[in-house]
Amino acid sequence: MEKRNDGLSFIVCCNKFGWTKSWGIRRNRFQLIMGALGFFVLGALFSFFLSYKFYGEAEDIRAQKQAEIDKLLNAVEMMSHDIIVDKKLEDKFIKRVLRLEKKLAYMERTLSEKKRRKALPMGGSGFRTSDISHDYFNAIEKDIDRLANVMDSIPFGKPISGRITSHYGYRKNPFSGDREFHGGVDFRGKIGDEVAVTADGIVQKAKYVKGYGKHVVIKHKKGYKTLYGHLSQINVSKGQRVVVGEKIGEVGSTGRSTGPHLHYEIIKYGRRINPKKYIR
């Protein structure tokens, strides 16, 4: 390298091939390049310092978050233990209730047997059959009428004569194969079989929807409703008053259905309940 007054020159010689090359650069340009290089080095060092500082802070934050996560995991683990303990207590409580129910049923059977063996006379102390008057029979008749009115408002019995093919509760979906909750019971039937209402009431719905197809909903007293789905024909209209045993439609396979049947639901205070005990 040869230093000159107006700048710097770089000379490269090759003795083997006998050639010489030289490059020159002005002093002010050389100083500019060196300044830029120095600024770049300082910037790199400063960036490294900041990165190291931020990394340290990030590591501290990460450690803090990890400690919080470990604390939450410990709390969840303890919670799971408490849930298991509570489940065991719940199972014990249920078993105890079942034992008490069996004892009560046994006591009831025993008392019934004793009553049959003892064969007590009709009426209480001082009662004679000659005391029975016309008013007595009127009172009994009124009680029977009141009982009949209540019974007619509660959906007892079956809406059609077919047997149950699908019960209330969880089952395999016939379309998707997934496990699903079935909110009613399905009765076997043929297209056109008569469907009768199971209690007195007023027709709340009588229309077609995607799932139930052609269906009827009857509103009864005491918070009851009944639903009759997948009908082929509807024989009532909204707002119509119906009585127990009256025809409201015919069995079909409308809506989401795999074949002719009647889907039947009992709803009490807005909640679907198992119709089994009412059907029996």
C-alpha atoms as a PDB file:
ATOM      1  CA  MET A   1       0.000   0.000   0.000  1.00  0.00           C
ATOM      2  CA  GLU A   2       1.445   3.359  -1.033  1.00  0.00           C
ATOM      3  CA  LYS A   3       0.418   6.586   0.662  1.00  0.00           C
ATOM      4  CA  ARG A   4       0.021   9.703  -1.437  1.00  0.00           C
ATOM      5  CA  ASN A   5      -0.895  13.275  -0.637  1.00  0.00           C
ATOM      6  CA  ASP A   6      -4.298  13.215  -2.377  1.00  0.00           C
ATOM      7  CA  GLY A   7      -5.457   9.847  -1.077  1.00  0.00           C
ATOM      8  CA  LEU A   8      -4.660   6.168  -0.906  1.00  0.00           C
ATOM      9  CA  SER A   9      -3.637   3.759  -3.653  1.00  0.00           C
ATOM     10  CA  PHE A  10      -3.756  -0.058  -3.555  1.00  0.00           C
ATOM     11  CA  ILE A  11      -1.348  -1.883  -5.896  1.00  0.00           C
ATOM     12  CA  VAL A  12      -1.445  -5.635  -6.583  1.00  0.00           C
ATOM     13  CA  CYS A  13       1.471  -7.295  -8.428  1.00  0.00           C
ATOM     14  CA  CYS A  14       1.736 -10.829  -9.853  1.00  0.00           C
ATOM     15  CA  ASN A  15       5.367 -11.812 -10.607  1.00  0.00           C
ATOM     16  CA  LYS A  16       4.387 -15.143 -12.116  1.00  0.00           C
ATOM     17  CA  PHE A  17       2.296 -13.685 -14.915  1.00  0.00           C
ATOM     18  CA  GLY A  18       3.977 -10.261 -14.950  1.00  0.00           C
ATOM     19  CA  TRP A  19       0.940  -8.014 -14.401  1.00  0.00           C
ATOM     20  CA  THR A  20       0.248  -5.170 -12.003  1.00  0.00           C
ATOM     21  CA  LYS A  21      -3.109  -3.642 -10.940  1.00  0.00           C
ATOM     22  CA  SER A  22      -3.748  -0.590  -8.814  1.00  0.00           C
ATOM     23  CA  TRP A  23      -6.813   1.120  -7.239  1.00  0.00           C
ATOM     24  CA  GLY A  24      -6.977   4.601  -5.796  1.00  0.00           C
ATOM     25  CA  ILE A  25      -9.375   6.173  -3.296  1.00  0.00           C
ATOM     26  CA  ARG A  26      -9.603   9.755  -2.182  1.00  0.00           C
ATOM     27  CA  ARG A  27      -8.832  10.526   1.437  1.00  0.00           C
ATOM     28  CA  ASN A  28     -12.222  12.096   2.207  1.00  0.00           C
ATOM     29  CA  ARG A  29     -14.036   9.103   0.728  1.00  0.00           C
ATOM     30  CA  PHE A  30     -11.850   6.721   2.711  1.00  0.00           C
ATOM     31  CA  GLN A  31     -12.633   8.623   5.913  1.00  0.00           C
ATOM     32  CA  LEU A  32     -16.344   8.490   5.091  1.00  0.00           C
ATOM     33  CA  ILE A  33     -16.201   4.714   4.624  1.00  0.00           C
ATOM     34  CA  MET A  34     -14.267   4.209   7.844  1.00  0.00           C
ATOM     35  CA  GLY A  35     -16.734   6.446   9.704  1.00  0.00           C
ATOM     36  CA  ALA A  36     -19.669   4.475   8.365  1.00  0.00           C
ATOM     37  CA  LEU A  37     -17.964   1.216   9.327  1.00  0.00           C
ATOM     38  CA  GLY A  38     -17.297   2.523  12.835  1.00  0.00           C
ATOM     39  CA  PHE A  39     -20.904   3.661  13.189  1.00  0.00           C
ATOM     40  CA  PHE A  40     -22.106   0.204  12.066  1.00  0.00           C
ATOM     41  CA  VAL A  41     -19.854  -1.531  14.629  1.00  0.00           C
ATOM     42  CA  LEU A  42     -21.096   0.760  17.429  1.00  0.00           C
ATOM     43  CA  GLY A  43     -24.705   0.163  16.363  1.00  0.00           C
ATOM     44  CA  ALA A  44     -24.151  -3.596  16.411  1.00  0.00           C
ATOM     45  CA  LEU A  45     -22.620  -3.449  19.892  1.00  0.00           C
ATOM     46  CA  PHE A  46     -25.491  -1.283  21.179  1.00  0.00           C
ATOM     47  CA  SER A  47     -28.062  -3.623  19.669  1.00  0.00           C
ATOM     48  CA  PHE A  48     -26.365  -6.607  21.290  1.00  0.00           C
ATOM     49  CA  PHE A  49     -26.459  -4.797  24.651  1.00  0.00           C
ATOM     50  CA  LEU A  50     -30.166  -4.014  24.322  1.00  0.00           C
ATOM     51  CA  SER A  51     -30.943  -7.553  23.188  1.00  0.00           C
ATOM     52  CA  TYR A  52     -29.111  -9.008  26.139  1.00  0.00           C
ATOM     53  CA  LYS A  53     -30.972  -6.669  28.510  1.00  0.00           C
ATOM     54  CA  PHE A  54     -34.370  -7.433  26.976  1.00  0.00           C
ATOM     55  CA  TYR A  55     -33.603 -11.156  26.977  1.00  0.00           C
ATOM     56  CA  GLY A  56     -32.826 -10.989  30.670  1.00  0.00           C
ATOM     57  CA  GLU A  57     -36.098  -9.189  31.385  1.00  0.00           C
ATOM     58  CA  ALA A  58     -38.024 -11.634  29.193  1.00  0.00           C
ATOM     59  CA  GLU A  59     -36.421 -14.546  31.008  1.00  0.00           C
ATOM     60  CA  ASP A  60     -37.484 -13.067  34.350  1.00  0.00           C
ATOM     61  CA  ILE A  61     -41.068 -12.634  33.060  1.00  0.00           C
ATOM     62  CA  ARG A  62     -41.059 -16.199  31.704  1.00  0.00           C
ATOM     63  CA  ALA A  63     -39.881 -17.564  35.050  1.00  0.00           C
ATOM     64  CA  GLN A  64     -42.596 -15.562  36.833  1.00  0.00           C
ATOM     65  CA  LYS A  65     -45.300 -16.860  34.479  1.00  0.00           C
ATOM     66  CA  GLN A  66     -44.012 -20.405  34.869  1.00  0.00           C
ATOM     67  CA  ALA A  67     -44.302 -20.068  38.630  1.00  0.00           C
ATOM     68  CA  GLU A  68     -47.893 -18.843  38.255  1.00  0.00           C
ATOM     69  CA  ILE A  69     -48.709 -21.784  35.954  1.00  0.00           C
ATOM     70  CA  ASP A  70     -47.199 -24.250  38.442  1.00  0.00           C
ATOM     71  CA  LYS A  71     -49.294 -22.682  41.189  1.00  0.00           C
ATOM     72  CA  LEU A  72     -52.476 -23.024  39.091  1.00  0.00           C
ATOM     73  CA  LEU A  73     -51.651 -26.633  38.241  1.00  0.00           C
ATOM     74  CA  ASN A  74     -51.201 -27.423  41.926  1.00  0.00           C
ATOM     75  CA  ALA A  75     -54.566 -25.764  42.668  1.00  0.00           C
ATOM     76  CA  VAL A  76     -56.273 -27.787  39.899  1.00  0.00           C
ATOM     77  CA  GLU A  77     -54.696 -30.962  41.228  1.00  0.00           C
ATOM     78  CA  MET A  78     -56.020 -30.221  44.718  1.00  0.00           C
ATOM     79  CA  MET A  79     -59.419 -29.325  43.222  1.00  0.00           C
ATOM     80  CA  SER A  80     -59.548 -32.659  41.384  1.00  0.00           C
ATOM     81  CA  HIS A  81     -58.789 -34.400  44.660  1.00  0.00           C
ATOM     82  CA  ASP A  82     -61.641 -32.512  46.355  1.00  0.00           C
ATOM     83  CA  ILE A  83     -63.995 -33.426  43.511  1.00  0.00           C
ATOM     84  CA  ILE A  84     -63.081 -37.100  43.887  1.00  0.00           C
ATOM     85  CA  VAL A  85     -63.692 -36.905  47.617  1.00  0.00           C
ATOM     86  CA  ASP A  86     -67.049 -35.168  47.070  1.00  0.00           C
ATOM     87  CA  LYS A  87     -67.996 -37.798  44.461  1.00  0.00           C
ATOM     88  CA  LYS A  88     -67.284 -40.557  46.957  1.00  0.00           C
ATOM     89  CA  LEU A  89     -69.420 -38.804  49.577  1.00  0.00           C
ATOM     90  CA  GLU A  90     -72.194 -38.350  46.999  1.00  0.00           C
ATOM     91  CA  ASP A  91     -72.086 -42.070  46.137  1.00  0.00           C
ATOM     92  CA  LYS A  92     -72.317 -42.973  49.822  1.00  0.00           C
ATOM     93  CA  PHE A  93     -75.259 -40.623  50.258  1.00  0.00           C
ATOM     94  CA  ILE A  94     -77.085 -42.141  47.263  1.00  0.00           C
ATOM     95  CA  LYS A  95     -76.507 -45.682  48.555  1.00  0.00           C
ATOM     96  CA  ARG A  96     -77.841 -44.658  51.950  1.00  0.00           C
ATOM     97  CA  VAL A  97     -80.976 -43.145  50.397  1.00  0.00           C
ATOM     98  CA  LEU A  98     -81.539 -46.330  48.382  1.00  0.00           C
ATOM     99  CA  ARG A  99     -81.218 -48.425  51.536  1.00  0.00           C
ATOM    100  CA  LEU A 100     -83.758 -46.200  53.293  1.00  0.00           C
ATOM    101  CA  GLU A 101     -86.142 -46.517  50.338  1.00  0.00           C
ATOM    102  CA  LYS A 102     -85.909 -50.319  50.536  1.00  0.00           C
ATOM    103  CA  LYS A 103     -86.612 -50.232  54.276  1.00  0.00           C
ATOM    104  CA  LEU A 104     -89.636 -47.954  53.746  1.00  0.00           C
ATOM    105  CA  ALA A 105     -90.965 -50.229  50.995  1.00  0.00           C
ATOM    106  CA  TYR A 106     -90.543 -53.248  53.280  1.00  0.00           C
ATOM    107  CA  MET A 107     -92.366 -51.464  56.121  1.00  0.00           C
ATOM    108  CA  GLU A 108     -95.190 -50.504  53.748  1.00  0.00           C
ATOM    109  CA  ARG A 109     -95.591 -54.109  52.574  1.00  0.00           C
ATOM    110  CA  THR A 110     -95.556 -55.355  56.161  1.00  0.00           C
ATOM    111  CA  LEU A 111     -98.254 -52.878  57.248  1.00  0.00           C
ATOM    112  CA  SER A 112    -100.389 -53.806  54.241  1.00  0.00           C
ATOM    113  CA  GLU A 113    -100.144 -57.495  55.145  1.00  0.00           C
ATOM    114  CA  LYS A 114    -101.108 -56.759  58.749  1.00  0.00           C
ATOM    115  CA  LYS A 115    -104.125 -54.707  57.622  1.00  0.00           C
ATOM    116  CA  ARG A 116    -105.329 -57.514  55.362  1.00  0.00           C
ATOM    117  CA  ARG A 117    -104.963 -60.126  58.099  1.00  0.00           C
ATOM    118  CA  LYS A 118    -106.709 -57.965  60.704  1.00  0.00           C
ATOM    119  CA  ALA A 119    -109.718 -57.216  58.407  1.00  0.00           C
ATOM    120  CA  LEU A 120    -110.858 -54.080  60.218  1.00  0.00           C
ATOM    121  CA  PRO A 121    -114.548 -53.142  59.901  1.00  0.00           C
ATOM    122  CA  MET A 122    -115.544 -50.233  57.571  1.00  0.00           C
ATOM    123  CA  GLY A 123    -115.571 -46.759  59.148  1.00  0.00           C
ATOM    124  CA  GLY A 124    -114.152 -45.307  62.334  1.00  0.00           C
ATOM    125  CA  SER A 125    -115.306 -45.617  65.929  1.00  0.00           C
ATOM    126  CA  GLY A 126    -119.123 -45.436  66.236  1.00  0.00           C
ATOM    127  CA  PHE A 127    -119.673 -45.659  62.448  1.00  0.00           C
ATOM    128  CA  ARG A 128    -122.685 -47.687  61.276  1.00  0.00           C
ATOM    129  CA  THR A 129    -123.790 -48.405  57.713  1.00  0.00           C
ATOM    130  CA  SER A 130    -127.255 -47.119  58.634  1.00  0.00           C
ATOM    131  CA  ASP A 131    -125.667 -43.678  59.103  1.00  0.00           C
ATOM    132  CA  ILE A 132    -124.971 -43.423  55.347  1.00  0.00           C
ATOM    133  CA  SER A 133    -127.252 -40.757  53.883  1.00  0.00           C
ATOM    134  CA  HIS A 134    -127.870 -39.097  50.516  1.00  0.00           C
ATOM    135  CA  ASP A 135    -125.500 -36.241  51.483  1.00  0.00           C
ATOM    136  CA  TYR A 136    -122.760 -38.770  52.176  1.00  0.00           C
ATOM    137  CA  PHE A 137    -122.958 -40.124  48.621  1.00  0.00           C
ATOM    138  CA  ASN A 138    -123.081 -36.555  47.213  1.00  0.00           C
ATOM    139  CA  ALA A 139    -119.836 -35.706  49.021  1.00  0.00           C
ATOM    140  CA  ILE A 140    -118.141 -38.853  47.718  1.00  0.00           C
ATOM    141  CA  GLU A 141    -119.351 -38.133  44.182  1.00  0.00           C
ATOM    142  CA  LYS A 142    -117.901 -34.612  44.314  1.00  0.00           C
ATOM    143  CA  ASP A 143    -114.558 -35.994  45.479  1.00  0.00           C
ATOM    144  CA  ILE A 144    -114.573 -38.506  42.630  1.00  0.00           C
ATOM    145  CA  ASP A 145    -115.429 -35.775  40.110  1.00  0.00           C
ATOM    146  CA  ARG A 146    -112.572 -33.583  41.374  1.00  0.00           C
ATOM    147  CA  LEU A 147    -110.191 -36.528  41.142  1.00  0.00           C
ATOM    148  CA  ALA A 148    -111.411 -37.319  37.605  1.00  0.00           C
ATOM    149  CA  ASN A 149    -110.817 -33.693  36.504  1.00  0.00           C
ATOM    150  CA  VAL A 150    -107.270 -33.800  37.814  1.00  0.00           C
ATOM    151  CA  MET A 151    -106.614 -37.186  36.211  1.00  0.00           C
ATOM    152  CA  ASP A 152    -107.916 -35.977  32.839  1.00  0.00           C
ATOM    153  CA  SER A 153    -105.420 -33.080  32.959  1.00  0.00           C
ATOM    154  CA  ILE A 154    -102.386 -35.333  33.554  1.00  0.00           C
ATOM    155  CA  PRO A 155    -101.012 -37.171  30.465  1.00  0.00           C
ATOM    156  CA  PHE A 156    -101.468 -40.810  31.523  1.00  0.00           C
ATOM    157  CA  GLY A 157    -101.452 -43.697  29.072  1.00  0.00           C
ATOM    158  CA  LYS A 158    -100.258 -44.201  25.492  1.00  0.00           C
ATOM    159  CA  PRO A 159    -101.124 -41.988  22.501  1.00  0.00           C
ATOM    160  CA  ILE A 160    -101.146 -45.058  20.188  1.00  0.00           C
ATOM    161  CA  SER A 161    -101.299 -48.812  20.746  1.00  0.00           C
ATOM    162  CA  GLY A 162     -97.862 -49.636  19.266  1.00  0.00           C
ATOM    163  CA  ARG A 163     -94.946 -50.764  21.395  1.00  0.00           C
ATOM    164  CA  ILE A 164     -91.996 -48.519  22.343  1.00  0.00           C
ATOM    165  CA  THR A 165     -89.024 -48.845  19.969  1.00  0.00           C
ATOM    166  CA  SER A 166     -86.751 -46.113  21.406  1.00  0.00           C
ATOM    167  CA  HIS A 167     -86.708 -45.011  25.036  1.00  0.00           C
ATOM    168  CA  TYR A 168     -86.025 -41.707  26.815  1.00  0.00           C
ATOM    169  CA  GLY A 169     -82.350 -40.941  27.504  1.00  0.00           C
ATOM    170  CA  TYR A 170     -79.001 -41.172  25.734  1.00  0.00           C
ATOM    171  CA  ARG A 171     -78.843 -43.285  22.584  1.00  0.00           C
ATOM    172  CA  LYS A 172     -76.982 -43.677  19.291  1.00  0.00           C
ATOM    173  CA  ASN A 173     -78.096 -41.147  16.667  1.00  0.00           C
ATOM    174  CA  PRO A 174     -79.613 -43.164  13.772  1.00  0.00           C
ATOM    175  CA  PHE A 175     -78.237 -40.669  11.218  1.00  0.00           C
ATOM    176  CA  SER A 176     -74.744 -39.702  12.444  1.00  0.00           C
ATOM    177  CA  GLY A 177     -73.990 -42.583  14.810  1.00  0.00           C
ATOM    178  CA  ASP A 178     -73.018 -40.108  17.556  1.00  0.00           C
ATOM    179  CA  ARG A 179     -74.267 -40.392  21.126  1.00  0.00           C
ATOM    180  CA  GLU A 180     -77.192 -38.014  21.718  1.00  0.00           C
ATOM    181  CA  PHE A 181     -79.979 -37.350  24.210  1.00  0.00           C
ATOM    182  CA  HIS A 182     -83.434 -38.555  23.175  1.00  0.00           C
ATOM    183  CA  GLY A 183     -86.023 -36.357  24.933  1.00  0.00           C
ATOM    184  CA  GLY A 184     -89.017 -38.656  24.489  1.00  0.00           C
ATOM    185  CA  VAL A 185     -90.104 -42.142  23.422  1.00  0.00           C
ATOM    186  CA  ASP A 186     -90.817 -43.559  19.962  1.00  0.00           C
ATOM    187  CA  PHE A 187     -93.802 -45.819  19.290  1.00  0.00           C
ATOM    188  CA  ARG A 188     -94.002 -48.285  16.423  1.00  0.00           C
ATOM    189  CA  GLY A 189     -96.820 -47.477  14.021  1.00  0.00           C
ATOM    190  CA  LYS A 190     -98.018 -47.525  10.435  1.00  0.00           C
ATOM    191  CA  ILE A 191     -98.793 -44.569   8.195  1.00  0.00           C
ATOM    192  CA  GLY A 192    -102.309 -43.404   9.006  1.00  0.00           C
ATOM    193  CA  ASP A 193    -102.600 -44.960  12.502  1.00  0.00           C
ATOM    194  CA  GLU A 194    -104.701 -42.730  14.773  1.00  0.00           C
ATOM    195  CA  VAL A 195    -102.860 -40.609  17.376  1.00  0.00           C
ATOM    196  CA  ALA A 196    -104.905 -39.645  20.448  1.00  0.00           C
ATOM    197  CA  VAL A 197    -104.184 -36.905  22.984  1.00  0.00           C
ATOM    198  CA  THR A 198    -103.358 -38.289  26.455  1.00  0.00           C
ATOM    199  CA  ALA A 199    -104.969 -35.492  28.539  1.00  0.00           C
ATOM    200  CA  ASP A 200    -107.369 -32.567  28.268  1.00  0.00           C
ATOM    201  CA  GLY A 201    -105.793 -29.361  27.042  1.00  0.00           C
ATOM    202  CA  ILE A 202    -105.409 -26.656  24.404  1.00  0.00           C
ATOM    203  CA  VAL A 203    -103.445 -26.991  21.159  1.00  0.00           C
ATOM    204  CA  GLN A 204    -100.383 -24.741  21.433  1.00  0.00           C
ATOM    205  CA  LYS A 205     -98.667 -25.751  18.161  1.00  0.00           C
ATOM    206  CA  ALA A 206     -99.858 -27.592  15.065  1.00  0.00           C
ATOM    207  CA  LYS A 207     -97.371 -27.126  12.238  1.00  0.00           C
ATOM    208  CA  TYR A 208     -94.325 -28.459  10.353  1.00  0.00           C
ATOM    209  CA  VAL A 209     -90.735 -27.920  11.563  1.00  0.00           C
ATOM    210  CA  LYS A 210     -87.496 -29.376  10.233  1.00  0.00           C
ATOM    211  CA  GLY A 211     -86.788 -31.834  13.058  1.00  0.00           C
ATOM    212  CA  TYR A 212     -90.197 -32.998  14.311  1.00  0.00           C
ATOM    213  CA  GLY A 213     -91.854 -32.683  10.911  1.00  0.00           C
ATOM    214  CA  LYS A 214     -95.622 -32.309  11.233  1.00  0.00           C
ATOM    215  CA  HIS A 215     -96.154 -32.134  14.992  1.00  0.00           C
ATOM    216  CA  VAL A 216     -98.666 -31.066  17.634  1.00  0.00           C
ATOM    217  CA  VAL A 217     -97.996 -29.623  21.102  1.00  0.00           C
ATOM    218  CA  ILE A 218    -100.825 -29.688  23.663  1.00  0.00           C
ATOM    219  CA  LYS A 219    -100.774 -27.515  26.796  1.00  0.00           C
ATOM    220  CA  HIS A 220    -102.375 -29.138  29.859  1.00  0.00           C
ATOM    221  CA  LYS A 221    -102.971 -28.050  33.457  1.00  0.00           C
ATOM    222  CA  LYS A 222    -100.455 -28.515  36.312  1.00  0.00           C
ATOM    223  CA  GLY A 223     -97.566 -27.314  34.103  1.00  0.00           C
ATOM    224  CA  TYR A 224     -97.758 -30.244  31.646  1.00  0.00           C
ATOM    225  CA  LYS A 225     -97.338 -30.265  27.875  1.00  0.00           C
ATOM    226  CA  THR A 226     -97.255 -33.179  25.428  1.00  0.00           C
ATOM    227  CA  LEU A 227     -95.635 -33.321  21.978  1.00  0.00           C
ATOM    228  CA  TYR A 228     -96.553 -35.648  19.102  1.00  0.00           C
ATOM    229  CA  GLY A 229     -94.007 -35.679  16.248  1.00  0.00           C
ATOM    230  CA  HIS A 230     -93.427 -37.003  12.685  1.00  0.00           C
ATOM    231  CA  LEU A 231     -97.176 -37.052  11.895  1.00  0.00           C
ATOM    232  CA  SER A 232     -98.435 -37.650   8.359  1.00  0.00           C
ATOM    233  CA  GLN A 233    -101.562 -35.611   9.031  1.00  0.00           C
ATOM    234  CA  ILE A 234    -102.644 -33.013  11.630  1.00  0.00           C
ATOM    235  CA  ASN A 235    -106.335 -32.999  12.614  1.00  0.00           C
ATOM    236  CA  VAL A 236    -106.361 -30.038  15.036  1.00  0.00           C
ATOM    237  CA  SER A 237    -105.456 -26.351  14.867  1.00  0.00           C
ATOM    238  CA  LYS A 238    -103.753 -23.898  17.205  1.00  0.00           C
ATOM    239  CA  GLY A 239    -105.993 -22.697  20.044  1.00  0.00           C
ATOM    240  CA  GLN A 240    -108.382 -25.624  19.763  1.00  0.00           C
ATOM    241  CA  ARG A 241    -109.534 -27.305  22.998  1.00  0.00           C
ATOM    242  CA  VAL A 242    -109.155 -31.106  23.038  1.00  0.00           C
ATOM    243  CA  VAL A 243    -110.215 -33.837  25.481  1.00  0.00           C
ATOM    244  CA  VAL A 244    -108.383 -37.010  26.485  1.00  0.00           C
ATOM    245  CA  GLY A 245    -108.657 -39.719  23.809  1.00  0.00           C
ATOM    246  CA  GLU A 246    -109.498 -37.289  21.001  1.00  0.00           C
ATOM    247  CA  LYS A 247    -107.772 -37.834  17.633  1.00  0.00           C
ATOM    248  CA  ILE A 248    -105.207 -35.114  16.925  1.00  0.00           C
ATOM    249  CA  GLY A 249    -103.369 -36.641  13.964  1.00  0.00           C
ATOM    250  CA  GLU A 250    -102.050 -39.720  12.191  1.00  0.00           C
ATOM    251  CA  VAL A 251     -98.729 -41.570  12.358  1.00  0.00           C
ATOM    252  CA  GLY A 252     -96.202 -40.621   9.677  1.00  0.00           C
ATOM    253  CA  SER A 253     -92.512 -40.165   8.922  1.00  0.00           C
ATOM    254  CA  THR A 254     -92.186 -36.423   8.302  1.00  0.00           C
ATOM    255  CA  GLY A 255     -89.172 -34.377   9.419  1.00  0.00           C
ATOM    256  CA  ARG A 256     -85.979 -36.082  10.627  1.00  0.00           C
ATOM    257  CA  SER A 257     -87.247 -39.653  10.658  1.00  0.00           C
ATOM    258  CA  THR A 258     -85.987 -43.077   9.562  1.00  0.00           C
ATOM    259  CA  GLY A 259     -89.451 -44.590   9.095  1.00  0.00           C
ATOM    260  CA  PRO A 260     -93.099 -44.481  10.223  1.00  0.00           C
ATOM    261  CA  HIS A 261     -93.363 -43.973  13.988  1.00  0.00           C
ATOM    262  CA  LEU A 262     -94.674 -41.550  16.622  1.00  0.00           C
ATOM    263  CA  HIS A 263     -92.266 -39.466  18.694  1.00  0.00           C
ATOM    264  CA  TYR A 264     -93.939 -38.617  22.015  1.00  0.00           C
ATOM    265  CA  GLU A 265     -92.695 -36.207  24.709  1.00  0.00           C
ATOM    266  CA  ILE A 266     -93.981 -35.072  28.103  1.00  0.00           C
ATOM    267  CA  ILE A 267     -92.800 -31.632  29.251  1.00  0.00           C
ATOM    268  CA  LYS A 268     -93.350 -30.460  32.818  1.00  0.00           C
ATOM    269  CA  TYR A 269     -92.697 -26.777  33.644  1.00  0.00           C
ATOM    270  CA  GLY A 270     -90.536 -26.435  30.515  1.00  0.00           C
ATOM    271  CA  ARG A 271     -88.397 -29.531  31.146  1.00  0.00           C
ATOM    272  CA  ARG A 272     -88.698 -32.790  29.215  1.00  0.00           C
ATOM    273  CA  ILE A 273     -89.267 -35.730  31.563  1.00  0.00           C
ATOM    274  CA  ASN A 274     -89.312 -39.505  31.141  1.00  0.00           C
ATOM    275  CA  PRO A 275     -92.802 -40.542  29.920  1.00  0.00           C
ATOM    276  CA  LYS A 276     -92.301 -44.160  31.085  1.00  0.00           C
ATOM    277  CA  LYS A 277     -94.077 -43.923  34.461  1.00  0.00           C
ATOM    278  CA  TYR A 278     -96.985 -42.005  32.894  1.00  0.00           C
ATOM    279  CA  ILE A 279     -97.367 -44.571  30.134  1.00  0.00           C
ATOM    280  CA  ARG A 280     -97.521 -47.451  32.620  1.00  0.00           C
END
